[in-house]
Amino acid sequence: MEFRDVVRRRRMVRSYDPDRPVPAAVVDRLLDHAVRAPSAGFSQGWGFLVLESPADRERFWASTTPQGAPESRWLTGMRQAPLIVVPHSNRSVYLDRYAEPDKGWADRDEARWPVPYWHIDTGFAAMLMLLTVVDEELGACFFGIPPERTASYRDAFGVPDEFTPIGAISIGYPAPDRRSPSLRRGRRPVDQVVHRGRWDAKGSSFDAGEQRN
């Protein structure tokens, strides 16, 4: 598949065929591509929990679903996914890496970081998995673990404190799905979100082209 087609076809899939597992070779490719994401200082401070067995997936949903939450179309469809991958970031790996001699931030001061690159880099890895899913003609959905359920998730799977789940990815062969109502908002045009030269420059790039003509 052409890369531009992969990008255009990527969307969040919320319903899966429960009778079609993800082939082991595809799972391996997803993870191999994930670890090729860029990372500050080549820190690679991520960790991925792969859940394939029915028992593991049931434990995931039991530990992450808010107690008393009613069954919903979203949850019913998502629970059918035969594969869940949970990407985790590790801040300590980055602080340690930048205290090494070639970086020289020996105090490990988190305030030196303009943004939490440990989360960003793990997000890059997650996006590579989402794009690989499309290339393999599967579907996936990135979603968050409720903050109040993070502790129960950690307990259920023995996740060390230094690893933070940035979300989870359900993966499988798509089943008939209802498109998200949010899509009615439409995609914002490039000229509404891109600023060339200066943020407060008047007129879009299209307008400038019109004036030149």
N, C-alpha and C. Protein backbone atom coordinates (compact mmCIF):
# COMPACT_ATOMS: atom_id res chain seq x y z
N MET A 1 0.85 -1.19 0.00
CA MET A 1 0.00 0.00 0.00
C MET A 1 0.89 1.24 0.00
N GLU A 2 0.56 2.22 -0.83
CA GLU A 2 1.31 3.47 -0.85
C GLU A 2 1.16 4.20 0.49
N PHE A 3 2.25 4.86 0.92
CA PHE A 3 2.21 5.51 2.23
C PHE A 3 1.10 6.55 2.31
N ARG A 4 0.91 7.32 1.25
CA ARG A 4 -0.14 8.34 1.28
C ARG A 4 -1.52 7.71 1.48
N ASP A 5 -1.70 6.49 0.96
CA ASP A 5 -2.98 5.79 1.15
C ASP A 5 -3.12 5.31 2.60
N VAL A 6 -2.00 4.86 3.20
CA VAL A 6 -2.03 4.46 4.60
C VAL A 6 -2.48 5.63 5.47
N VAL A 7 -1.90 6.81 5.23
CA VAL A 7 -2.23 7.99 6.03
C VAL A 7 -3.70 8.36 5.86
N ARG A 8 -4.18 8.36 4.62
CA ARG A 8 -5.55 8.78 4.36
C ARG A 8 -6.58 7.78 4.89
N ARG A 9 -6.22 6.50 4.94
CA ARG A 9 -7.16 5.47 5.38
C ARG A 9 -7.16 5.26 6.89
N ARG A 10 -6.18 5.86 7.58
CA ARG A 10 -6.12 5.65 9.03
C ARG A 10 -7.34 6.28 9.71
N ARG A 11 -8.01 5.50 10.53
CA ARG A 11 -9.11 5.99 11.35
C ARG A 11 -9.22 5.09 12.56
N MET A 12 -9.97 5.54 13.56
CA MET A 12 -10.17 4.73 14.75
C MET A 12 -11.31 3.74 14.52
N VAL A 13 -11.02 2.46 14.71
CA VAL A 13 -12.00 1.39 14.53
C VAL A 13 -12.44 0.91 15.91
N ARG A 14 -13.74 0.82 16.14
CA ARG A 14 -14.28 0.52 17.46
C ARG A 14 -15.09 -0.78 17.52
N SER A 15 -15.02 -1.58 16.46
CA SER A 15 -15.71 -2.86 16.45
C SER A 15 -14.88 -3.85 15.63
N TYR A 16 -14.75 -5.10 16.15
CA TYR A 16 -13.84 -6.06 15.54
C TYR A 16 -14.49 -7.42 15.39
N ASP A 17 -13.92 -8.21 14.48
CA ASP A 17 -14.34 -9.59 14.32
C ASP A 17 -13.64 -10.42 15.39
N PRO A 18 -14.37 -10.95 16.38
CA PRO A 18 -13.73 -11.67 17.49
C PRO A 18 -13.20 -13.04 17.09
N ASP A 19 -13.57 -13.52 15.91
CA ASP A 19 -13.17 -14.86 15.49
C ASP A 19 -11.93 -14.85 14.59
N ARG A 20 -11.33 -13.68 14.40
CA ARG A 20 -10.15 -13.59 13.54
C ARG A 20 -8.99 -13.00 14.34
N PRO A 21 -8.13 -13.85 14.90
CA PRO A 21 -6.98 -13.33 15.65
C PRO A 21 -5.98 -12.64 14.73
N VAL A 22 -5.19 -11.76 15.31
CA VAL A 22 -4.13 -11.09 14.56
C VAL A 22 -2.97 -12.07 14.41
N PRO A 23 -2.52 -12.35 13.19
CA PRO A 23 -1.42 -13.31 13.00
C PRO A 23 -0.18 -12.91 13.78
N ALA A 24 0.53 -13.89 14.29
CA ALA A 24 1.71 -13.63 15.11
C ALA A 24 2.74 -12.80 14.36
N ALA A 25 2.91 -13.06 13.06
CA ALA A 25 3.89 -12.30 12.27
C ALA A 25 3.50 -10.83 12.21
N VAL A 26 2.21 -10.54 12.15
CA VAL A 26 1.75 -9.15 12.12
C VAL A 26 2.00 -8.48 13.47
N VAL A 27 1.74 -9.19 14.55
CA VAL A 27 2.02 -8.64 15.88
C VAL A 27 3.50 -8.29 15.99
N ASP A 28 4.36 -9.16 15.50
CA ASP A 28 5.80 -8.90 15.56
C ASP A 28 6.16 -7.66 14.75
N ARG A 29 5.53 -7.49 13.58
CA ARG A 29 5.83 -6.31 12.76
C ARG A 29 5.36 -5.04 13.44
N LEU A 30 4.20 -5.09 14.08
CA LEU A 30 3.71 -3.92 14.80
C LEU A 30 4.73 -3.46 15.84
N LEU A 31 5.25 -4.39 16.59
CA LEU A 31 6.18 -4.06 17.67
C LEU A 31 7.54 -3.65 17.12
N ASP A 32 7.98 -4.31 16.03
CA ASP A 32 9.24 -3.94 15.41
C ASP A 32 9.19 -2.52 14.88
N HIS A 33 8.06 -2.13 14.29
CA HIS A 33 7.92 -0.78 13.78
C HIS A 33 7.82 0.22 14.93
N ALA A 34 7.16 -0.17 16.01
CA ALA A 34 7.01 0.74 17.15
C ALA A 34 8.36 1.17 17.71
N VAL A 35 9.28 0.23 17.84
CA VAL A 35 10.57 0.56 18.45
C VAL A 35 11.49 1.30 17.50
N ARG A 36 11.03 1.57 16.29
CA ARG A 36 11.79 2.39 15.35
C ARG A 36 11.39 3.86 15.44
N ALA A 37 10.52 4.19 16.38
CA ALA A 37 10.13 5.58 16.58
C ALA A 37 11.34 6.40 17.06
N PRO A 38 11.35 7.71 16.77
CA PRO A 38 12.44 8.54 17.29
C PRO A 38 12.29 8.73 18.79
N SER A 39 13.42 8.96 19.46
CA SER A 39 13.37 9.25 20.90
C SER A 39 14.53 10.17 21.26
N ALA A 40 14.29 11.10 22.16
CA ALA A 40 15.31 12.06 22.58
C ALA A 40 16.52 11.33 23.14
N GLY A 41 17.71 11.66 22.62
CA GLY A 41 18.92 11.01 23.08
C GLY A 41 18.95 9.53 22.82
N PHE A 42 18.08 9.06 21.91
CA PHE A 42 17.92 7.63 21.65
C PHE A 42 17.68 6.89 22.97
N SER A 43 16.89 7.55 23.84
CA SER A 43 16.63 6.99 25.17
C SER A 43 15.78 5.73 25.10
N GLN A 44 14.81 5.73 24.18
CA GLN A 44 13.93 4.58 23.99
C GLN A 44 13.26 4.17 25.31
N GLY A 45 12.76 5.15 26.02
CA GLY A 45 12.19 4.89 27.34
C GLY A 45 10.74 4.46 27.29
N TRP A 46 10.50 3.40 26.59
CA TRP A 46 9.12 2.91 26.45
C TRP A 46 9.05 1.43 26.83
N GLY A 47 7.83 0.96 27.02
CA GLY A 47 7.59 -0.45 27.28
C GLY A 47 6.19 -0.78 26.78
N PHE A 48 6.01 -1.96 26.22
CA PHE A 48 4.74 -2.32 25.59
C PHE A 48 4.21 -3.62 26.21
N LEU A 49 3.00 -3.56 26.71
CA LEU A 49 2.33 -4.74 27.24
C LEU A 49 1.41 -5.28 26.15
N VAL A 50 1.63 -6.52 25.74
CA VAL A 50 0.87 -7.15 24.67
C VAL A 50 -0.10 -8.16 25.28
N LEU A 51 -1.38 -7.98 25.01
CA LEU A 51 -2.42 -8.83 25.59
C LEU A 51 -3.18 -9.53 24.47
N GLU A 52 -3.01 -10.85 24.37
CA GLU A 52 -3.63 -11.60 23.29
C GLU A 52 -4.61 -12.66 23.78
N SER A 53 -4.35 -13.28 24.92
CA SER A 53 -5.23 -14.36 25.37
C SER A 53 -6.55 -13.77 25.87
N PRO A 54 -7.65 -14.54 25.74
CA PRO A 54 -8.94 -14.06 26.24
C PRO A 54 -8.88 -13.69 27.72
N ALA A 55 -8.13 -14.46 28.52
CA ALA A 55 -8.06 -14.18 29.96
C ALA A 55 -7.36 -12.85 30.22
N ASP A 56 -6.29 -12.58 29.50
CA ASP A 56 -5.57 -11.31 29.68
C ASP A 56 -6.42 -10.13 29.24
N ARG A 57 -7.11 -10.29 28.12
CA ARG A 57 -7.93 -9.19 27.64
C ARG A 57 -9.11 -8.92 28.58
N GLU A 58 -9.70 -9.98 29.13
CA GLU A 58 -10.78 -9.80 30.09
C GLU A 58 -10.28 -9.11 31.35
N ARG A 59 -9.06 -9.46 31.78
CA ARG A 59 -8.48 -8.81 32.95
C ARG A 59 -8.23 -7.33 32.66
N PHE A 60 -7.84 -7.02 31.43
CA PHE A 60 -7.63 -5.62 31.08
C PHE A 60 -8.93 -4.83 31.20
N TRP A 61 -9.99 -5.34 30.58
CA TRP A 61 -11.25 -4.59 30.61
C TRP A 61 -11.81 -4.52 32.02
N ALA A 62 -11.66 -5.57 32.80
CA ALA A 62 -12.16 -5.55 34.18
C ALA A 62 -11.40 -4.53 35.02
N SER A 63 -10.11 -4.37 34.77
CA SER A 63 -9.29 -3.47 35.59
C SER A 63 -9.38 -2.02 35.14
N THR A 64 -9.78 -1.77 33.90
CA THR A 64 -9.76 -0.40 33.38
C THR A 64 -11.15 0.22 33.22
N THR A 65 -12.19 -0.60 33.23
CA THR A 65 -13.54 -0.06 33.07
C THR A 65 -14.03 0.49 34.40
N PRO A 66 -14.51 1.74 34.43
CA PRO A 66 -15.02 2.30 35.69
C PRO A 66 -16.10 1.41 36.29
N GLN A 67 -16.03 1.25 37.59
CA GLN A 67 -17.00 0.40 38.27
C GLN A 67 -18.40 0.98 38.12
N GLY A 68 -19.33 0.11 37.82
CA GLY A 68 -20.71 0.54 37.65
C GLY A 68 -21.02 1.11 36.29
N ALA A 69 -20.03 1.17 35.40
CA ALA A 69 -20.27 1.72 34.06
C ALA A 69 -21.20 0.79 33.29
N PRO A 70 -22.25 1.32 32.68
CA PRO A 70 -23.17 0.48 31.92
C PRO A 70 -22.51 -0.01 30.63
N GLU A 71 -22.94 -1.16 30.16
CA GLU A 71 -22.45 -1.67 28.88
C GLU A 71 -22.90 -0.72 27.78
N SER A 72 -22.00 -0.39 26.89
CA SER A 72 -22.29 0.55 25.81
C SER A 72 -21.89 -0.07 24.48
N ARG A 73 -22.36 0.54 23.41
CA ARG A 73 -21.98 0.07 22.08
C ARG A 73 -20.46 0.13 21.91
N TRP A 74 -19.87 1.21 22.42
CA TRP A 74 -18.42 1.38 22.32
C TRP A 74 -17.70 0.23 23.03
N LEU A 75 -18.10 -0.03 24.27
CA LEU A 75 -17.43 -1.06 25.04
C LEU A 75 -17.65 -2.45 24.45
N THR A 76 -18.85 -2.72 23.99
CA THR A 76 -19.15 -4.02 23.39
C THR A 76 -18.27 -4.27 22.17
N GLY A 77 -18.15 -3.26 21.32
CA GLY A 77 -17.33 -3.41 20.12
C GLY A 77 -15.85 -3.53 20.43
N MET A 78 -15.39 -2.73 21.39
CA MET A 78 -13.97 -2.73 21.72
C MET A 78 -13.55 -4.04 22.39
N ARG A 79 -14.41 -4.61 23.19
CA ARG A 79 -14.08 -5.86 23.88
C ARG A 79 -13.91 -7.02 22.91
N GLN A 80 -14.34 -6.86 21.67
CA GLN A 80 -14.19 -7.92 20.67
C GLN A 80 -12.78 -7.96 20.07
N ALA A 81 -11.99 -6.93 20.31
CA ALA A 81 -10.65 -6.87 19.72
C ALA A 81 -9.81 -8.04 20.23
N PRO A 82 -9.17 -8.79 19.33
CA PRO A 82 -8.37 -9.94 19.75
C PRO A 82 -6.98 -9.58 20.25
N LEU A 83 -6.62 -8.30 20.13
CA LEU A 83 -5.29 -7.87 20.55
C LEU A 83 -5.37 -6.48 21.18
N ILE A 84 -4.69 -6.33 22.31
CA ILE A 84 -4.55 -5.02 22.95
C ILE A 84 -3.07 -4.80 23.22
N VAL A 85 -2.57 -3.65 22.84
CA VAL A 85 -1.19 -3.26 23.16
C VAL A 85 -1.25 -1.98 23.98
N VAL A 86 -0.59 -1.99 25.13
CA VAL A 86 -0.56 -0.82 26.00
C VAL A 86 0.85 -0.22 25.97
N PRO A 87 1.03 0.96 25.36
CA PRO A 87 2.34 1.61 25.35
C PRO A 87 2.56 2.38 26.67
N HIS A 88 3.74 2.25 27.22
CA HIS A 88 4.10 2.93 28.47
C HIS A 88 5.33 3.80 28.25
N SER A 89 5.37 4.93 28.93
CA SER A 89 6.56 5.78 28.91
C SER A 89 7.28 5.66 30.24
N ASN A 90 8.59 5.95 30.22
CA ASN A 90 9.40 5.86 31.43
C ASN A 90 10.25 7.13 31.56
N ARG A 91 9.81 8.03 32.40
CA ARG A 91 10.51 9.29 32.59
C ARG A 91 11.93 9.08 33.10
N SER A 92 12.14 8.14 34.00
CA SER A 92 13.45 7.93 34.61
C SER A 92 14.52 7.60 33.57
N VAL A 93 14.14 6.85 32.55
CA VAL A 93 15.11 6.51 31.50
C VAL A 93 15.64 7.78 30.85
N TYR A 94 14.79 8.76 30.63
CA TYR A 94 15.20 10.01 29.99
C TYR A 94 16.05 10.85 30.93
N LEU A 95 15.64 10.93 32.19
CA LEU A 95 16.43 11.72 33.14
C LEU A 95 17.81 11.10 33.33
N ASP A 96 17.89 9.78 33.37
CA ASP A 96 19.17 9.10 33.48
C ASP A 96 20.02 9.31 32.22
N ARG A 97 19.39 9.20 31.06
CA ARG A 97 20.12 9.35 29.81
C ARG A 97 20.77 10.73 29.70
N TYR A 98 20.04 11.76 30.09
CA TYR A 98 20.56 13.13 29.94
C TYR A 98 21.47 13.54 31.09
N ALA A 99 21.69 12.62 32.03
CA ALA A 99 22.71 12.84 33.05
C ALA A 99 24.02 12.16 32.67
N GLU A 100 24.04 11.49 31.52
CA GLU A 100 25.25 10.85 31.06
C GLU A 100 26.24 11.89 30.52
N PRO A 101 27.53 11.55 30.43
CA PRO A 101 28.56 12.54 30.08
C PRO A 101 28.33 13.28 28.77
N ASP A 102 27.78 12.61 27.74
CA ASP A 102 27.60 13.29 26.45
C ASP A 102 26.45 14.28 26.46
N LYS A 103 25.61 14.25 27.51
CA LYS A 103 24.52 15.21 27.64
C LYS A 103 24.79 16.21 28.75
N GLY A 104 25.23 15.74 29.90
CA GLY A 104 25.75 16.64 30.93
C GLY A 104 24.75 17.27 31.87
N TRP A 105 23.50 16.82 31.88
CA TRP A 105 22.54 17.35 32.86
C TRP A 105 22.60 16.48 34.10
N ALA A 106 23.67 16.60 34.85
CA ALA A 106 23.93 15.66 35.94
C ALA A 106 22.92 15.73 37.07
N ASP A 107 22.16 16.83 37.16
CA ASP A 107 21.22 16.97 38.27
C ASP A 107 19.89 16.26 38.00
N ARG A 108 19.66 15.76 36.80
CA ARG A 108 18.41 15.05 36.44
C ARG A 108 17.18 15.92 36.68
N ASP A 109 17.31 17.21 36.53
CA ASP A 109 16.22 18.14 36.82
C ASP A 109 15.17 18.09 35.71
N GLU A 110 13.96 17.67 36.06
CA GLU A 110 12.90 17.57 35.06
C GLU A 110 12.53 18.93 34.47
N ALA A 111 12.82 20.01 35.23
CA ALA A 111 12.47 21.35 34.75
C ALA A 111 13.26 21.74 33.50
N ARG A 112 14.35 21.04 33.20
CA ARG A 112 15.12 21.34 32.00
C ARG A 112 14.36 20.96 30.73
N TRP A 113 13.40 20.07 30.86
CA TRP A 113 12.69 19.58 29.68
C TRP A 113 11.55 20.53 29.33
N PRO A 114 11.50 21.05 28.11
CA PRO A 114 10.41 21.97 27.74
C PRO A 114 9.06 21.29 27.72
N VAL A 115 9.03 20.01 27.35
CA VAL A 115 7.81 19.19 27.35
C VAL A 115 8.23 17.77 27.72
N PRO A 116 7.31 16.93 28.18
CA PRO A 116 7.67 15.56 28.58
C PRO A 116 7.90 14.66 27.37
N TYR A 117 9.13 14.64 26.89
CA TYR A 117 9.44 13.87 25.69
C TYR A 117 9.21 12.38 25.87
N TRP A 118 9.23 11.89 27.11
CA TRP A 118 8.98 10.46 27.33
C TRP A 118 7.57 10.09 26.88
N HIS A 119 6.61 10.98 27.10
CA HIS A 119 5.25 10.73 26.61
C HIS A 119 5.17 10.91 25.10
N ILE A 120 5.82 11.96 24.60
CA ILE A 120 5.76 12.26 23.16
C ILE A 120 6.36 11.13 22.35
N ASP A 121 7.54 10.66 22.77
CA ASP A 121 8.20 9.61 22.00
C ASP A 121 7.40 8.32 22.01
N THR A 122 6.77 8.01 23.14
CA THR A 122 5.93 6.81 23.20
C THR A 122 4.70 7.00 22.32
N GLY A 123 4.21 8.24 22.23
CA GLY A 123 3.12 8.53 21.30
C GLY A 123 3.55 8.32 19.85
N PHE A 124 4.80 8.69 19.52
CA PHE A 124 5.32 8.41 18.18
C PHE A 124 5.28 6.91 17.89
N ALA A 125 5.70 6.12 18.87
CA ALA A 125 5.71 4.66 18.71
C ALA A 125 4.29 4.14 18.49
N ALA A 126 3.34 4.69 19.25
CA ALA A 126 1.94 4.28 19.08
C ALA A 126 1.43 4.62 17.68
N MET A 127 1.80 5.80 17.16
CA MET A 127 1.35 6.17 15.82
C MET A 127 1.94 5.24 14.76
N LEU A 128 3.19 4.82 14.92
CA LEU A 128 3.75 3.88 13.97
C LEU A 128 2.98 2.56 13.98
N MET A 129 2.51 2.15 15.16
CA MET A 129 1.68 0.95 15.21
C MET A 129 0.35 1.17 14.49
N LEU A 130 -0.26 2.33 14.70
CA LEU A 130 -1.54 2.61 14.04
C LEU A 130 -1.40 2.61 12.53
N LEU A 131 -0.30 3.15 12.01
CA LEU A 131 -0.09 3.17 10.57
C LEU A 131 0.23 1.76 10.04
N THR A 132 0.98 1.00 10.81
CA THR A 132 1.27 -0.38 10.40
C THR A 132 -0.01 -1.20 10.33
N VAL A 133 -0.91 -0.97 11.26
CA VAL A 133 -2.21 -1.66 11.27
C VAL A 133 -2.93 -1.44 9.94
N VAL A 134 -2.95 -0.19 9.47
CA VAL A 134 -3.63 0.11 8.20
C VAL A 134 -2.94 -0.62 7.06
N ASP A 135 -1.61 -0.60 7.05
CA ASP A 135 -0.85 -1.25 5.98
C ASP A 135 -1.11 -2.76 5.96
N GLU A 136 -1.43 -3.33 7.12
CA GLU A 136 -1.74 -4.76 7.22
C GLU A 136 -3.22 -5.04 6.99
N GLU A 137 -3.99 -3.99 6.66
CA GLU A 137 -5.42 -4.09 6.39
C GLU A 137 -6.20 -4.56 7.62
N LEU A 138 -5.77 -4.10 8.77
CA LEU A 138 -6.49 -4.31 10.02
C LEU A 138 -7.05 -2.97 10.49
N GLY A 139 -7.67 -2.99 11.67
CA GLY A 139 -8.17 -1.77 12.27
C GLY A 139 -7.64 -1.62 13.69
N ALA A 140 -7.65 -0.40 14.19
CA ALA A 140 -7.15 -0.15 15.54
C ALA A 140 -7.80 1.10 16.11
N CYS A 141 -7.74 1.22 17.42
CA CYS A 141 -8.26 2.40 18.11
C CYS A 141 -7.35 2.70 19.30
N PHE A 142 -6.86 3.93 19.37
CA PHE A 142 -6.09 4.38 20.53
C PHE A 142 -7.08 5.03 21.50
N PHE A 143 -7.04 4.63 22.75
CA PHE A 143 -7.96 5.17 23.75
C PHE A 143 -7.26 5.27 25.09
N GLY A 144 -7.83 6.06 25.98
CA GLY A 144 -7.20 6.30 27.27
C GLY A 144 -7.69 5.35 28.36
N ILE A 145 -6.83 5.13 29.34
CA ILE A 145 -7.21 4.41 30.55
C ILE A 145 -7.64 5.46 31.57
N PRO A 146 -8.86 5.37 32.13
CA PRO A 146 -9.31 6.39 33.08
C PRO A 146 -8.32 6.54 34.24
N PRO A 147 -8.00 7.76 34.63
CA PRO A 147 -7.02 7.97 35.70
C PRO A 147 -7.35 7.21 36.98
N GLU A 148 -8.64 7.12 37.31
CA GLU A 148 -9.03 6.45 38.54
C GLU A 148 -8.89 4.92 38.45
N ARG A 149 -8.59 4.42 37.24
CA ARG A 149 -8.42 2.98 37.06
C ARG A 149 -6.97 2.59 36.80
N THR A 150 -6.08 3.56 36.80
CA THR A 150 -4.67 3.25 36.51
C THR A 150 -4.08 2.33 37.57
N ALA A 151 -4.39 2.58 38.84
CA ALA A 151 -3.85 1.75 39.92
C ALA A 151 -4.32 0.30 39.78
N SER A 152 -5.59 0.10 39.48
CA SER A 152 -6.09 -1.27 39.34
C SER A 152 -5.48 -1.94 38.11
N TYR A 153 -5.25 -1.17 37.06
CA TYR A 153 -4.58 -1.72 35.88
C TYR A 153 -3.16 -2.17 36.24
N ARG A 154 -2.43 -1.31 36.96
CA ARG A 154 -1.07 -1.67 37.37
C ARG A 154 -1.06 -2.95 38.20
N ASP A 155 -1.99 -3.02 39.14
CA ASP A 155 -2.05 -4.19 40.01
C ASP A 155 -2.37 -5.47 39.21
N ALA A 156 -3.25 -5.33 38.23
CA ALA A 156 -3.69 -6.51 37.47
C ALA A 156 -2.56 -7.10 36.64
N PHE A 157 -1.61 -6.24 36.20
CA PHE A 157 -0.57 -6.72 35.29
C PHE A 157 0.84 -6.53 35.82
N GLY A 158 0.99 -6.11 37.08
CA GLY A 158 2.32 -5.98 37.65
C GLY A 158 3.18 -4.93 36.99
N VAL A 159 2.58 -3.83 36.55
CA VAL A 159 3.32 -2.78 35.86
C VAL A 159 4.12 -1.96 36.88
N PRO A 160 5.43 -1.84 36.71
CA PRO A 160 6.24 -1.07 37.66
C PRO A 160 5.83 0.39 37.71
N ASP A 161 6.06 1.03 38.85
CA ASP A 161 5.63 2.41 39.06
C ASP A 161 6.26 3.38 38.07
N GLU A 162 7.48 3.07 37.61
CA GLU A 162 8.16 4.03 36.74
C GLU A 162 7.61 4.04 35.32
N PHE A 163 6.76 3.08 34.99
CA PHE A 163 6.14 3.05 33.67
C PHE A 163 4.72 3.61 33.73
N THR A 164 4.45 4.57 32.86
CA THR A 164 3.14 5.22 32.82
C THR A 164 2.40 4.82 31.54
N PRO A 165 1.22 4.20 31.64
CA PRO A 165 0.47 3.88 30.42
C PRO A 165 -0.06 5.17 29.79
N ILE A 166 0.31 5.43 28.55
CA ILE A 166 -0.16 6.66 27.90
C ILE A 166 -1.50 6.43 27.21
N GLY A 167 -1.98 5.21 27.23
CA GLY A 167 -3.23 4.84 26.59
C GLY A 167 -3.18 3.36 26.27
N ALA A 168 -4.06 2.91 25.40
CA ALA A 168 -4.07 1.52 24.97
C ALA A 168 -4.54 1.49 23.52
N ILE A 169 -4.15 0.43 22.81
CA ILE A 169 -4.52 0.29 21.40
C ILE A 169 -5.22 -1.05 21.22
N SER A 170 -6.48 -1.01 20.81
CA SER A 170 -7.19 -2.23 20.43
C SER A 170 -6.91 -2.48 18.95
N ILE A 171 -6.71 -3.75 18.59
CA ILE A 171 -6.30 -4.10 17.22
C ILE A 171 -7.03 -5.36 16.79
N GLY A 172 -7.46 -5.40 15.54
CA GLY A 172 -8.10 -6.58 15.00
C GLY A 172 -8.64 -6.32 13.61
N TYR A 173 -9.32 -7.32 13.07
CA TYR A 173 -9.97 -7.15 11.78
C TYR A 173 -11.29 -6.40 11.99
N PRO A 174 -11.51 -5.32 11.24
CA PRO A 174 -12.71 -4.50 11.48
C PRO A 174 -14.00 -5.28 11.23
N ALA A 175 -14.99 -4.98 12.05
CA ALA A 175 -16.36 -5.45 11.86
C ALA A 175 -17.21 -4.23 11.52
N PRO A 176 -18.45 -4.43 11.05
CA PRO A 176 -19.31 -3.27 10.79
C PRO A 176 -19.35 -2.36 12.00
N ASP A 177 -19.18 -1.08 11.73
CA ASP A 177 -18.96 -0.11 12.80
C ASP A 177 -19.79 1.13 12.54
N ARG A 178 -20.12 1.84 13.61
CA ARG A 178 -20.80 3.12 13.49
C ARG A 178 -19.76 4.23 13.55
N ARG A 179 -19.76 5.08 12.55
CA ARG A 179 -18.79 6.17 12.52
C ARG A 179 -19.02 7.11 13.70
N SER A 180 -17.94 7.62 14.24
CA SER A 180 -18.03 8.52 15.38
C SER A 180 -18.83 9.78 15.02
N PRO A 181 -19.78 10.18 15.87
CA PRO A 181 -20.52 11.42 15.61
C PRO A 181 -19.60 12.64 15.54
N SER A 182 -18.44 12.55 16.17
CA SER A 182 -17.52 13.69 16.16
C SER A 182 -17.04 14.02 14.74
N LEU A 183 -17.10 13.03 13.83
CA LEU A 183 -16.64 13.28 12.47
C LEU A 183 -17.50 14.30 11.75
N ARG A 184 -18.69 14.54 12.27
CA ARG A 184 -19.55 15.56 11.65
C ARG A 184 -18.91 16.95 11.73
N ARG A 185 -17.98 17.10 12.64
CA ARG A 185 -17.28 18.38 12.75
C ARG A 185 -16.46 18.69 11.51
N GLY A 186 -16.08 17.66 10.78
CA GLY A 186 -15.28 17.85 9.59
C GLY A 186 -13.81 18.09 9.92
N ARG A 187 -12.97 17.84 8.94
CA ARG A 187 -11.54 18.08 9.13
C ARG A 187 -11.23 19.54 8.87
N ARG A 188 -10.49 20.14 9.77
CA ARG A 188 -10.16 21.55 9.60
C ARG A 188 -9.24 21.74 8.41
N PRO A 189 -9.52 22.70 7.55
CA PRO A 189 -8.67 22.94 6.38
C PRO A 189 -7.24 23.30 6.81
N VAL A 190 -6.29 22.93 5.97
CA VAL A 190 -4.89 23.21 6.27
C VAL A 190 -4.66 24.67 6.55
N ASP A 191 -5.29 25.56 5.77
CA ASP A 191 -5.05 26.99 5.94
C ASP A 191 -5.56 27.54 7.26
N GLN A 192 -6.39 26.78 7.97
CA GLN A 192 -6.84 27.23 9.28
C GLN A 192 -5.87 26.87 10.40
N VAL A 193 -4.98 25.94 10.14
CA VAL A 193 -4.09 25.47 11.20
C VAL A 193 -2.61 25.68 10.90
N VAL A 194 -2.29 26.08 9.67
CA VAL A 194 -0.90 26.30 9.29
C VAL A 194 -0.61 27.79 9.22
N HIS A 195 0.48 28.21 9.82
CA HIS A 195 0.90 29.62 9.83
C HIS A 195 2.28 29.69 9.20
N ARG A 196 2.42 30.44 8.13
CA ARG A 196 3.67 30.49 7.38
C ARG A 196 4.39 31.81 7.65
N GLY A 197 5.61 31.70 8.12
CA GLY A 197 6.42 32.88 8.37
C GLY A 197 6.18 33.50 9.72
N ARG A 198 4.93 33.88 10.02
CA ARG A 198 4.53 34.43 11.31
C ARG A 198 3.16 33.90 11.68
N TRP A 199 2.95 33.70 12.98
CA TRP A 199 1.65 33.20 13.43
C TRP A 199 0.55 34.19 13.12
N ASP A 200 0.85 35.49 13.29
CA ASP A 200 -0.19 36.50 13.13
C ASP A 200 -0.20 37.11 11.74
N ALA A 201 0.41 36.42 10.76
CA ALA A 201 0.40 36.94 9.39
C ALA A 201 -1.02 36.97 8.87
N LYS A 202 -1.37 38.05 8.20
CA LYS A 202 -2.73 38.21 7.67
C LYS A 202 -2.88 37.46 6.36
N GLY A 203 -3.99 36.75 6.23
CA GLY A 203 -4.28 36.07 4.98
C GLY A 203 -3.67 34.68 4.93
N SER A 204 -4.36 33.76 4.33
CA SER A 204 -3.86 32.39 4.20
C SER A 204 -2.96 32.29 2.99
N SER A 205 -2.30 31.13 2.87
CA SER A 205 -1.45 30.92 1.70
C SER A 205 -2.28 30.94 0.42
N PHE A 206 -3.55 30.49 0.50
CA PHE A 206 -4.43 30.54 -0.67
C PHE A 206 -4.72 31.96 -1.07
N ASP A 207 -5.00 32.81 -0.06
CA ASP A 207 -5.28 34.22 -0.33
C ASP A 207 -4.08 34.87 -1.00
N ALA A 208 -2.88 34.54 -0.50
CA ALA A 208 -1.67 35.15 -1.08
C ALA A 208 -1.52 34.75 -2.53
N GLY A 209 -1.85 33.49 -2.82
CA GLY A 209 -1.77 33.04 -4.21
C GLY A 209 -2.77 33.78 -5.08
N GLU A 210 -3.98 34.02 -4.55
CA GLU A 210 -4.97 34.76 -5.29
C GLU A 210 -4.49 36.17 -5.62
N GLN A 211 -3.82 36.79 -4.63
CA GLN A 211 -3.34 38.15 -4.83
C GLN A 211 -2.24 38.20 -5.87
N ARG A 212 -1.39 37.16 -5.90
CA ARG A 212 -0.31 37.13 -6.88
C ARG A 212 -0.86 36.99 -8.29
N ASN A 213 -2.01 36.30 -8.40
CA ASN A 213 -2.60 36.13 -9.73
C ASN A 213 -3.36 37.36 -10.15
